[in-house]
Amino acid sequence: MISKNLPNILSIFRIIMSPFFILFMIQDEPYFLLLSLLLIFVVSITDFFDGYYARKYKLVTELGKYLDPIADKIFILTVLFTLYFILGNDIFPLWMVVLILLRDVFITVLRSFLKAKNLQFTTSRLAKSKTLIQIVCMHTIVAILIFNAFSILVIDYSSIYYIMFFCTTITLLSGVGYICQYYSKGPNGLY
């Protein structure tokens, strides 16, 4: 039998695991990069099962509706800011990470505002894909670091810039979708 708290426990697990990514990445030992990649993978799987169990067993709660996206944002932003500090601004530009952060803050505020007005706020297909794309990008960037650290396959670090540019673009486009949804409600529905 599935515990009714399992989805929320998995979300809390993702939050708790965030500092471990920082800890692994600051070690001056290539094997810790493998642990970092494994951690991203484990957190990604728990994110999948969190939503899967909540929907399949009708365990969706108001707490879970907020906790799940917050856990995603905390872990993803932890990874992105850590990679920025490890790789530096030329390879991993701060402006991209800041735009992703601002988009997430803005959408969270907008979601809360609409909820307070009892207006429906649906997650678009692009917004659902955005988290998956961010996770794939994080896996890819850490994999590049592993390939280079172990000299398995030397990949130019400039590719990381383009991966992040793609990730940032998708993230911002998903935010635009929410803004369009907001304006489609019309001024009478909002005030």
N, C-alpha and C. Protein backbone atom coordinates (compact mmCIF):
# COMPACT_ATOMS: atom_id res chain seq x y z
N MET A 1 0.84 -1.20 0.00
CA MET A 1 0.00 0.00 0.00
C MET A 1 0.88 1.25 0.00
N ILE A 2 0.50 2.23 -0.80
CA ILE A 2 1.26 3.46 -0.93
C ILE A 2 0.87 4.42 0.19
N SER A 3 1.86 4.93 0.88
CA SER A 3 1.60 5.90 1.94
C SER A 3 1.03 7.17 1.32
N LYS A 4 0.03 7.74 1.98
CA LYS A 4 -0.58 8.96 1.44
C LYS A 4 0.38 10.14 1.47
N ASN A 5 1.47 10.03 2.25
CA ASN A 5 2.45 11.11 2.33
C ASN A 5 3.65 10.91 1.41
N LEU A 6 3.68 9.78 0.66
CA LEU A 6 4.86 9.49 -0.15
C LEU A 6 5.22 10.60 -1.13
N PRO A 7 4.27 11.17 -1.90
CA PRO A 7 4.66 12.24 -2.82
C PRO A 7 5.33 13.43 -2.11
N ASN A 8 4.79 13.82 -0.96
CA ASN A 8 5.38 14.95 -0.22
C ASN A 8 6.74 14.57 0.37
N ILE A 9 6.88 13.31 0.80
CA ILE A 9 8.16 12.85 1.32
C ILE A 9 9.22 12.91 0.21
N LEU A 10 8.84 12.50 -1.00
CA LEU A 10 9.79 12.56 -2.13
C LEU A 10 10.16 14.00 -2.46
N SER A 11 9.22 14.93 -2.35
CA SER A 11 9.53 16.35 -2.59
C SER A 11 10.50 16.87 -1.54
N ILE A 12 10.26 16.52 -0.28
CA ILE A 12 11.16 16.95 0.80
C ILE A 12 12.54 16.33 0.61
N PHE A 13 12.58 15.08 0.16
CA PHE A 13 13.85 14.42 -0.13
C PHE A 13 14.65 15.22 -1.16
N ARG A 14 13.99 15.72 -2.20
CA ARG A 14 14.68 16.51 -3.23
C ARG A 14 15.27 17.78 -2.63
N ILE A 15 14.56 18.40 -1.73
CA ILE A 15 15.07 19.63 -1.09
C ILE A 15 16.30 19.29 -0.23
N ILE A 16 16.20 18.21 0.53
CA ILE A 16 17.30 17.81 1.42
C ILE A 16 18.55 17.44 0.63
N MET A 17 18.38 16.88 -0.56
CA MET A 17 19.52 16.45 -1.38
C MET A 17 20.26 17.62 -2.04
N SER A 18 19.63 18.78 -2.12
CA SER A 18 20.24 19.92 -2.81
C SER A 18 21.63 20.28 -2.28
N PRO A 19 21.84 20.41 -0.96
CA PRO A 19 23.19 20.75 -0.47
C PRO A 19 24.24 19.69 -0.80
N PHE A 20 23.82 18.44 -0.96
CA PHE A 20 24.77 17.39 -1.28
C PHE A 20 25.38 17.60 -2.67
N PHE A 21 24.60 18.18 -3.58
CA PHE A 21 25.16 18.47 -4.90
C PHE A 21 26.31 19.46 -4.77
N ILE A 22 26.10 20.50 -3.95
CA ILE A 22 27.17 21.49 -3.73
C ILE A 22 28.38 20.80 -3.12
N LEU A 23 28.14 19.99 -2.11
CA LEU A 23 29.23 19.28 -1.42
C LEU A 23 30.04 18.43 -2.39
N PHE A 24 29.36 17.68 -3.25
CA PHE A 24 30.07 16.82 -4.21
C PHE A 24 30.85 17.65 -5.23
N MET A 25 30.25 18.73 -5.70
CA MET A 25 30.88 19.51 -6.77
C MET A 25 32.11 20.28 -6.31
N ILE A 26 32.18 20.65 -5.03
CA ILE A 26 33.33 21.44 -4.58
C ILE A 26 34.53 20.58 -4.23
N GLN A 27 34.36 19.27 -4.27
CA GLN A 27 35.49 18.38 -4.00
C GLN A 27 36.44 18.38 -5.19
N ASP A 28 37.70 18.37 -4.91
CA ASP A 28 38.69 18.37 -5.98
C ASP A 28 39.07 16.94 -6.34
N GLU A 29 38.07 16.19 -6.73
CA GLU A 29 38.25 14.77 -7.03
C GLU A 29 37.24 14.37 -8.10
N PRO A 30 37.72 13.88 -9.25
CA PRO A 30 36.80 13.56 -10.35
C PRO A 30 35.69 12.58 -9.99
N TYR A 31 35.93 11.67 -9.05
CA TYR A 31 34.90 10.70 -8.71
C TYR A 31 33.67 11.35 -8.06
N PHE A 32 33.86 12.51 -7.47
CA PHE A 32 32.71 13.22 -6.91
C PHE A 32 31.80 13.76 -8.01
N LEU A 33 32.36 13.96 -9.21
CA LEU A 33 31.52 14.34 -10.34
C LEU A 33 30.53 13.22 -10.67
N LEU A 34 31.00 11.97 -10.56
CA LEU A 34 30.11 10.84 -10.78
C LEU A 34 28.98 10.82 -9.75
N LEU A 35 29.31 11.13 -8.50
CA LEU A 35 28.28 11.21 -7.46
C LEU A 35 27.29 12.34 -7.75
N SER A 36 27.81 13.45 -8.28
CA SER A 36 26.94 14.58 -8.63
C SER A 36 25.95 14.17 -9.72
N LEU A 37 26.46 13.47 -10.73
CA LEU A 37 25.58 13.01 -11.81
C LEU A 37 24.56 12.01 -11.29
N LEU A 38 25.00 11.10 -10.44
CA LEU A 38 24.10 10.12 -9.84
C LEU A 38 23.02 10.82 -9.02
N LEU A 39 23.40 11.85 -8.29
CA LEU A 39 22.44 12.58 -7.47
C LEU A 39 21.39 13.25 -8.35
N ILE A 40 21.81 13.88 -9.45
CA ILE A 40 20.84 14.50 -10.36
C ILE A 40 19.88 13.43 -10.88
N PHE A 41 20.41 12.27 -11.22
CA PHE A 41 19.57 11.19 -11.73
C PHE A 41 18.56 10.73 -10.67
N VAL A 42 19.03 10.50 -9.46
CA VAL A 42 18.15 10.04 -8.38
C VAL A 42 17.05 11.06 -8.09
N VAL A 43 17.43 12.33 -8.04
CA VAL A 43 16.45 13.39 -7.78
C VAL A 43 15.43 13.45 -8.92
N SER A 44 15.90 13.28 -10.16
CA SER A 44 15.00 13.28 -11.32
C SER A 44 13.98 12.15 -11.22
N ILE A 45 14.45 10.98 -10.83
CA ILE A 45 13.55 9.83 -10.69
C ILE A 45 12.53 10.07 -9.59
N THR A 46 12.97 10.64 -8.46
CA THR A 46 12.01 10.90 -7.38
C THR A 46 10.97 11.94 -7.81
N ASP A 47 11.38 12.88 -8.66
CA ASP A 47 10.44 13.88 -9.17
C ASP A 47 9.37 13.18 -10.02
N PHE A 48 9.80 12.24 -10.84
CA PHE A 48 8.85 11.49 -11.67
C PHE A 48 7.88 10.69 -10.78
N PHE A 49 8.41 9.94 -9.82
CA PHE A 49 7.56 9.10 -8.98
C PHE A 49 6.66 9.92 -8.07
N ASP A 50 7.12 11.07 -7.66
CA ASP A 50 6.32 11.98 -6.85
C ASP A 50 4.99 12.26 -7.57
N GLY A 51 5.10 12.73 -8.81
CA GLY A 51 3.90 13.06 -9.59
C GLY A 51 3.10 11.82 -9.96
N TYR A 52 3.80 10.75 -10.31
CA TYR A 52 3.14 9.51 -10.72
C TYR A 52 2.26 8.95 -9.60
N TYR A 53 2.83 8.83 -8.42
CA TYR A 53 2.07 8.28 -7.30
C TYR A 53 0.94 9.22 -6.88
N ALA A 54 1.20 10.50 -6.91
CA ALA A 54 0.16 11.45 -6.50
C ALA A 54 -1.06 11.35 -7.42
N ARG A 55 -0.81 11.21 -8.72
CA ARG A 55 -1.94 11.13 -9.66
C ARG A 55 -2.58 9.74 -9.63
N LYS A 56 -1.77 8.70 -9.68
CA LYS A 56 -2.31 7.33 -9.77
C LYS A 56 -3.14 6.96 -8.55
N TYR A 57 -2.67 7.35 -7.37
CA TYR A 57 -3.37 6.96 -6.14
C TYR A 57 -4.19 8.10 -5.55
N LYS A 58 -4.41 9.14 -6.36
CA LYS A 58 -5.22 10.28 -5.94
C LYS A 58 -4.73 10.86 -4.61
N LEU A 59 -3.42 11.09 -4.56
CA LEU A 59 -2.79 11.64 -3.36
C LEU A 59 -2.41 13.11 -3.53
N VAL A 60 -3.01 13.76 -4.52
CA VAL A 60 -2.72 15.17 -4.76
C VAL A 60 -3.29 15.99 -3.62
N THR A 61 -2.44 16.79 -2.98
CA THR A 61 -2.88 17.64 -1.87
C THR A 61 -2.51 19.09 -2.17
N GLU A 62 -3.10 20.01 -1.44
CA GLU A 62 -2.75 21.43 -1.61
C GLU A 62 -1.28 21.65 -1.27
N LEU A 63 -0.81 20.98 -0.19
CA LEU A 63 0.60 21.09 0.17
C LEU A 63 1.48 20.58 -0.97
N GLY A 64 1.10 19.44 -1.52
CA GLY A 64 1.88 18.85 -2.61
C GLY A 64 1.93 19.72 -3.85
N LYS A 65 0.84 20.45 -4.12
CA LYS A 65 0.79 21.33 -5.30
C LYS A 65 1.83 22.44 -5.19
N TYR A 66 2.16 22.84 -3.97
CA TYR A 66 3.18 23.87 -3.78
C TYR A 66 4.55 23.26 -3.54
N LEU A 67 4.59 22.16 -2.79
CA LEU A 67 5.86 21.55 -2.41
C LEU A 67 6.61 20.98 -3.60
N ASP A 68 5.91 20.33 -4.52
CA ASP A 68 6.55 19.71 -5.68
C ASP A 68 7.29 20.73 -6.54
N PRO A 69 6.62 21.80 -7.00
CA PRO A 69 7.37 22.77 -7.82
C PRO A 69 8.46 23.51 -7.04
N ILE A 70 8.24 23.74 -5.75
CA ILE A 70 9.28 24.41 -4.94
C ILE A 70 10.51 23.51 -4.85
N ALA A 71 10.28 22.20 -4.62
CA ALA A 71 11.40 21.26 -4.55
C ALA A 71 12.17 21.23 -5.86
N ASP A 72 11.44 21.24 -6.98
CA ASP A 72 12.09 21.28 -8.29
C ASP A 72 12.95 22.53 -8.44
N LYS A 73 12.37 23.66 -8.09
CA LYS A 73 13.09 24.94 -8.25
C LYS A 73 14.33 24.98 -7.35
N ILE A 74 14.18 24.54 -6.12
CA ILE A 74 15.33 24.57 -5.20
C ILE A 74 16.46 23.71 -5.73
N PHE A 75 16.14 22.49 -6.17
CA PHE A 75 17.22 21.62 -6.65
C PHE A 75 17.82 22.14 -7.95
N ILE A 76 16.99 22.52 -8.89
CA ILE A 76 17.50 22.99 -10.19
C ILE A 76 18.34 24.24 -10.01
N LEU A 77 17.86 25.20 -9.23
CA LEU A 77 18.64 26.43 -9.03
C LEU A 77 19.91 26.17 -8.23
N THR A 78 19.88 25.22 -7.31
CA THR A 78 21.10 24.83 -6.59
C THR A 78 22.14 24.31 -7.57
N VAL A 79 21.71 23.43 -8.47
CA VAL A 79 22.62 22.88 -9.47
C VAL A 79 23.16 23.98 -10.37
N LEU A 80 22.28 24.84 -10.87
CA LEU A 80 22.71 25.88 -11.81
C LEU A 80 23.67 26.88 -11.17
N PHE A 81 23.36 27.34 -9.97
CA PHE A 81 24.26 28.28 -9.31
C PHE A 81 25.59 27.63 -8.95
N THR A 82 25.56 26.36 -8.56
CA THR A 82 26.81 25.65 -8.25
C THR A 82 27.67 25.53 -9.50
N LEU A 83 27.05 25.16 -10.62
CA LEU A 83 27.80 25.06 -11.88
C LEU A 83 28.37 26.41 -12.29
N TYR A 84 27.61 27.47 -12.05
CA TYR A 84 28.13 28.81 -12.35
C TYR A 84 29.41 29.09 -11.53
N PHE A 85 29.36 28.81 -10.24
CA PHE A 85 30.53 29.08 -9.38
C PHE A 85 31.71 28.17 -9.71
N ILE A 86 31.44 26.95 -10.16
CA ILE A 86 32.51 26.02 -10.50
C ILE A 86 33.14 26.38 -11.85
N LEU A 87 32.29 26.69 -12.83
CA LEU A 87 32.77 26.88 -14.20
C LEU A 87 33.14 28.32 -14.54
N GLY A 88 32.53 29.27 -13.88
CA GLY A 88 32.83 30.67 -14.16
C GLY A 88 31.90 31.27 -15.20
N ASN A 89 31.90 32.57 -15.25
CA ASN A 89 30.95 33.34 -16.06
C ASN A 89 31.15 33.15 -17.56
N ASP A 90 32.37 32.92 -18.01
CA ASP A 90 32.60 32.79 -19.45
C ASP A 90 31.96 31.51 -20.01
N ILE A 91 32.00 30.44 -19.24
CA ILE A 91 31.45 29.16 -19.69
C ILE A 91 29.98 29.04 -19.30
N PHE A 92 29.64 29.50 -18.12
CA PHE A 92 28.31 29.32 -17.56
C PHE A 92 27.81 30.69 -17.09
N PRO A 93 27.29 31.52 -18.02
CA PRO A 93 26.97 32.91 -17.70
C PRO A 93 25.93 33.09 -16.58
N LEU A 94 26.24 33.97 -15.67
CA LEU A 94 25.35 34.25 -14.55
C LEU A 94 24.01 34.80 -15.03
N TRP A 95 24.01 35.60 -16.11
CA TRP A 95 22.75 36.21 -16.55
C TRP A 95 21.72 35.14 -16.94
N MET A 96 22.18 34.00 -17.44
CA MET A 96 21.24 32.93 -17.78
C MET A 96 20.60 32.35 -16.52
N VAL A 97 21.41 32.11 -15.51
CA VAL A 97 20.91 31.54 -14.26
C VAL A 97 19.95 32.53 -13.59
N VAL A 98 20.30 33.81 -13.63
CA VAL A 98 19.45 34.84 -13.02
C VAL A 98 18.11 34.93 -13.75
N LEU A 99 18.12 34.83 -15.07
CA LEU A 99 16.86 34.86 -15.82
C LEU A 99 15.97 33.67 -15.46
N ILE A 100 16.57 32.50 -15.30
CA ILE A 100 15.80 31.32 -14.90
C ILE A 100 15.21 31.53 -13.50
N LEU A 101 16.02 32.08 -12.59
CA LEU A 101 15.55 32.38 -11.24
C LEU A 101 14.40 33.39 -11.27
N LEU A 102 14.57 34.48 -12.01
CA LEU A 102 13.53 35.51 -12.06
C LEU A 102 12.24 34.98 -12.67
N ARG A 103 12.37 34.15 -13.69
CA ARG A 103 11.18 33.54 -14.31
C ARG A 103 10.43 32.71 -13.27
N ASP A 104 11.17 31.92 -12.50
CA ASP A 104 10.53 31.06 -11.50
C ASP A 104 9.86 31.87 -10.40
N VAL A 105 10.52 32.92 -9.95
CA VAL A 105 9.93 33.79 -8.91
C VAL A 105 8.67 34.46 -9.46
N PHE A 106 8.77 34.99 -10.67
CA PHE A 106 7.63 35.69 -11.27
C PHE A 106 6.42 34.76 -11.42
N ILE A 107 6.66 33.56 -11.94
CA ILE A 107 5.56 32.62 -12.16
C ILE A 107 4.96 32.16 -10.83
N THR A 108 5.78 31.98 -9.81
CA THR A 108 5.28 31.60 -8.49
C THR A 108 4.38 32.69 -7.93
N VAL A 109 4.80 33.95 -8.07
CA VAL A 109 3.98 35.08 -7.60
C VAL A 109 2.69 35.16 -8.40
N LEU A 110 2.79 35.01 -9.72
CA LEU A 110 1.61 35.07 -10.58
C LEU A 110 0.62 33.95 -10.23
N ARG A 111 1.14 32.75 -10.00
CA ARG A 111 0.29 31.61 -9.64
C ARG A 111 -0.45 31.90 -8.32
N SER A 112 0.26 32.45 -7.35
CA SER A 112 -0.35 32.76 -6.05
C SER A 112 -1.41 33.85 -6.20
N PHE A 113 -1.12 34.84 -7.04
CA PHE A 113 -2.06 35.94 -7.27
C PHE A 113 -3.35 35.41 -7.89
N LEU A 114 -3.22 34.58 -8.92
CA LEU A 114 -4.41 34.03 -9.57
C LEU A 114 -5.19 33.11 -8.63
N LYS A 115 -4.47 32.34 -7.82
CA LYS A 115 -5.15 31.46 -6.87
C LYS A 115 -5.95 32.28 -5.86
N ALA A 116 -5.38 33.41 -5.41
CA ALA A 116 -6.08 34.28 -4.47
C ALA A 116 -7.35 34.85 -5.08
N LYS A 117 -7.35 35.01 -6.41
CA LYS A 117 -8.52 35.52 -7.12
C LYS A 117 -9.45 34.39 -7.57
N ASN A 118 -9.14 33.17 -7.13
CA ASN A 118 -9.92 31.98 -7.51
C ASN A 118 -9.96 31.76 -9.02
N LEU A 119 -8.87 32.06 -9.68
CA LEU A 119 -8.77 31.84 -11.12
C LEU A 119 -7.91 30.62 -11.38
N GLN A 120 -8.30 29.86 -12.38
CA GLN A 120 -7.58 28.64 -12.75
C GLN A 120 -6.25 29.00 -13.40
N PHE A 121 -5.22 28.27 -13.02
CA PHE A 121 -3.89 28.49 -13.57
C PHE A 121 -3.36 27.13 -14.00
N THR A 122 -3.48 26.84 -15.28
CA THR A 122 -3.08 25.52 -15.77
C THR A 122 -1.64 25.52 -16.25
N THR A 123 -0.99 24.40 -16.05
CA THR A 123 0.39 24.25 -16.49
C THR A 123 0.39 23.85 -17.95
N SER A 124 1.09 24.62 -18.77
CA SER A 124 1.13 24.34 -20.21
C SER A 124 2.03 23.14 -20.50
N ARG A 125 1.89 22.62 -21.70
CA ARG A 125 2.71 21.48 -22.12
C ARG A 125 4.19 21.89 -22.15
N LEU A 126 4.46 23.12 -22.62
CA LEU A 126 5.85 23.60 -22.66
C LEU A 126 6.41 23.73 -21.24
N ALA A 127 5.59 24.21 -20.32
CA ALA A 127 6.05 24.37 -18.94
C ALA A 127 6.37 23.01 -18.32
N LYS A 128 5.56 21.99 -18.65
CA LYS A 128 5.86 20.65 -18.14
C LYS A 128 7.14 20.12 -18.76
N SER A 129 7.35 20.41 -20.04
CA SER A 129 8.57 19.97 -20.72
C SER A 129 9.80 20.73 -20.23
N LYS A 130 9.59 21.95 -19.77
CA LYS A 130 10.70 22.80 -19.33
C LYS A 130 11.52 22.14 -18.24
N THR A 131 10.87 21.57 -17.24
CA THR A 131 11.60 20.92 -16.15
C THR A 131 12.40 19.74 -16.68
N LEU A 132 11.80 18.95 -17.56
CA LEU A 132 12.52 17.82 -18.16
C LEU A 132 13.73 18.31 -18.95
N ILE A 133 13.56 19.37 -19.71
CA ILE A 133 14.67 19.92 -20.50
C ILE A 133 15.77 20.42 -19.58
N GLN A 134 15.41 21.09 -18.50
CA GLN A 134 16.41 21.56 -17.54
C GLN A 134 17.19 20.38 -16.96
N ILE A 135 16.49 19.31 -16.62
CA ILE A 135 17.13 18.14 -16.03
C ILE A 135 18.07 17.48 -17.04
N VAL A 136 17.62 17.37 -18.28
CA VAL A 136 18.48 16.80 -19.34
C VAL A 136 19.72 17.66 -19.53
N CYS A 137 19.54 18.97 -19.53
CA CYS A 137 20.69 19.88 -19.68
C CYS A 137 21.67 19.72 -18.52
N MET A 138 21.16 19.60 -17.29
CA MET A 138 22.04 19.43 -16.14
C MET A 138 22.81 18.12 -16.24
N HIS A 139 22.13 17.04 -16.62
CA HIS A 139 22.80 15.76 -16.83
C HIS A 139 23.92 15.90 -17.87
N THR A 140 23.59 16.56 -18.97
CA THR A 140 24.55 16.70 -20.07
C THR A 140 25.77 17.50 -19.65
N ILE A 141 25.57 18.59 -18.94
CA ILE A 141 26.69 19.44 -18.52
C ILE A 141 27.61 18.69 -17.56
N VAL A 142 27.03 18.01 -16.58
CA VAL A 142 27.85 17.26 -15.63
C VAL A 142 28.54 16.09 -16.35
N ALA A 143 27.86 15.48 -17.32
CA ALA A 143 28.49 14.41 -18.10
C ALA A 143 29.70 14.94 -18.87
N ILE A 144 29.59 16.13 -19.42
CA ILE A 144 30.74 16.75 -20.12
C ILE A 144 31.91 16.93 -19.15
N LEU A 145 31.61 17.39 -17.95
CA LEU A 145 32.67 17.57 -16.95
C LEU A 145 33.32 16.22 -16.62
N ILE A 146 32.52 15.17 -16.54
CA ILE A 146 33.05 13.82 -16.25
C ILE A 146 33.92 13.33 -17.41
N PHE A 147 33.42 13.48 -18.63
CA PHE A 147 34.20 13.05 -19.80
C PHE A 147 35.56 13.73 -19.83
N ASN A 148 35.57 15.03 -19.56
CA ASN A 148 36.82 15.78 -19.58
C ASN A 148 37.72 15.41 -18.40
N ALA A 149 37.13 15.23 -17.22
CA ALA A 149 37.93 14.92 -16.03
C ALA A 149 38.63 13.57 -16.15
N PHE A 150 37.96 12.62 -16.77
CA PHE A 150 38.54 11.28 -16.93
C PHE A 150 39.19 11.08 -18.30
N SER A 151 39.23 12.14 -19.10
CA SER A 151 39.80 12.10 -20.46
C SER A 151 39.19 10.98 -21.30
N ILE A 152 37.90 10.74 -21.08
CA ILE A 152 37.19 9.74 -21.88
C ILE A 152 36.95 10.28 -23.28
N LEU A 153 36.49 11.51 -23.30
CA LEU A 153 36.19 12.20 -24.54
C LEU A 153 36.29 13.68 -24.21
N VAL A 154 37.24 14.37 -24.80
CA VAL A 154 37.44 15.77 -24.47
C VAL A 154 36.46 16.61 -25.28
N ILE A 155 35.59 17.29 -24.57
CA ILE A 155 34.55 18.12 -25.19
C ILE A 155 34.83 19.57 -24.82
N ASP A 156 34.80 20.42 -25.82
CA ASP A 156 35.05 21.85 -25.62
C ASP A 156 34.00 22.41 -24.65
N TYR A 157 34.45 23.13 -23.65
CA TYR A 157 33.53 23.70 -22.66
C TYR A 157 32.59 24.73 -23.26
N SER A 158 32.91 25.25 -24.44
CA SER A 158 32.01 26.23 -25.06
C SER A 158 30.65 25.60 -25.36
N SER A 159 30.60 24.27 -25.51
CA SER A 159 29.31 23.60 -25.74
C SER A 159 28.38 23.79 -24.54
N ILE A 160 28.93 23.94 -23.36
CA ILE A 160 28.12 24.15 -22.15
C ILE A 160 27.35 25.46 -22.26
N TYR A 161 27.99 26.48 -22.83
CA TYR A 161 27.33 27.77 -23.03
C TYR A 161 26.07 27.58 -23.88
N TYR A 162 26.18 26.84 -24.97
CA TYR A 162 25.04 26.65 -25.88
C TYR A 162 23.95 25.78 -25.26
N ILE A 163 24.35 24.81 -24.46
CA ILE A 163 23.36 24.00 -23.74
C ILE A 163 22.57 24.89 -22.79
N MET A 164 23.27 25.75 -22.06
CA MET A 164 22.61 26.65 -21.13
C MET A 164 21.75 27.69 -21.85
N PHE A 165 22.21 28.13 -23.00
CA PHE A 165 21.43 29.10 -23.77
C PHE A 165 20.10 28.47 -24.20
N PHE A 166 20.16 27.23 -24.66
CA PHE A 166 18.95 26.50 -25.03
C PHE A 166 18.03 26.34 -23.82
N CYS A 167 18.59 25.93 -22.70
CA CYS A 167 17.83 25.73 -21.46
C CYS A 167 17.15 27.04 -21.03
N THR A 168 17.89 28.12 -21.08
CA THR A 168 17.36 29.43 -20.69
C THR A 168 16.24 29.86 -21.62
N THR A 169 16.43 29.66 -22.91
CA THR A 169 15.42 30.05 -23.90
C THR A 169 14.11 29.30 -23.67
N ILE A 170 14.18 27.99 -23.48
CA ILE A 170 12.97 27.19 -23.23
C ILE A 170 12.29 27.64 -21.94
N THR A 171 13.10 27.91 -20.92
CA THR A 171 12.54 28.35 -19.63
C THR A 171 11.79 29.66 -19.79
N LEU A 172 12.37 30.61 -20.51
CA LEU A 172 11.72 31.91 -20.70
C LEU A 172 10.48 31.78 -21.57
N LEU A 173 10.53 30.95 -22.61
CA LEU A 173 9.35 30.75 -23.46
C LEU A 173 8.20 30.15 -22.66
N SER A 174 8.51 29.25 -21.74
CA SER A 174 7.44 28.67 -20.91
C SER A 174 6.83 29.74 -20.01
N GLY A 175 7.65 30.70 -19.58
CA GLY A 175 7.14 31.82 -18.78
C GLY A 175 6.23 32.72 -19.60
N VAL A 176 6.57 32.92 -20.86
CA VAL A 176 5.74 33.74 -21.75
C VAL A 176 4.35 33.11 -21.89
N GLY A 177 4.33 31.78 -21.95
CA GLY A 177 3.04 31.09 -22.03
C GLY A 177 2.15 31.39 -20.84
N TYR A 178 2.75 31.46 -19.66
CA TYR A 178 1.98 31.80 -18.46
C TYR A 178 1.47 33.24 -18.51
N ILE A 179 2.31 34.13 -19.03
CA ILE A 179 1.88 35.54 -19.14
C ILE A 179 0.70 35.66 -20.10
N CYS A 180 0.75 34.93 -21.21
CA CYS A 180 -0.37 34.94 -22.16
C CYS A 180 -1.63 34.41 -21.49
N GLN A 181 -1.48 33.36 -20.69
CA GLN A 181 -2.62 32.79 -19.97
C GLN A 181 -3.19 33.83 -19.00
N TYR A 182 -2.31 34.57 -18.35
CA TYR A 182 -2.73 35.61 -17.39
C TYR A 182 -3.58 36.66 -18.10
N TYR A 183 -3.08 37.15 -19.25
CA TYR A 183 -3.81 38.20 -19.97
C TYR A 183 -5.07 37.68 -20.63
N SER A 184 -5.12 36.38 -20.91
CA SER A 184 -6.32 35.83 -21.53
C SER A 184 -7.50 35.81 -20.55
N LYS A 185 -7.22 35.94 -19.25
CA LYS A 185 -8.28 35.96 -18.25
C LYS A 185 -9.08 37.26 -18.34
N GLY A 186 -8.48 38.29 -18.87
CA GLY A 186 -9.18 39.57 -19.03
C GLY A 186 -9.18 40.37 -17.74
N PRO A 187 -9.25 41.69 -17.85
CA PRO A 187 -9.20 42.55 -16.67
C PRO A 187 -10.36 42.33 -15.70
N ASN A 188 -11.56 41.99 -16.20
CA ASN A 188 -12.69 41.79 -15.29
C ASN A 188 -12.50 40.56 -14.43
N GLY A 189 -11.82 39.54 -14.97
CA GLY A 189 -11.61 38.34 -14.20
C GLY A 189 -10.50 38.48 -13.17
N LEU A 190 -9.65 39.49 -13.34
CA LEU A 190 -8.50 39.63 -12.48
C LEU A 190 -8.69 40.63 -11.35
N TYR A 191 -9.56 41.61 -11.54
CA TYR A 191 -9.67 42.65 -10.51
C TYR A 191 -11.08 42.78 -9.99
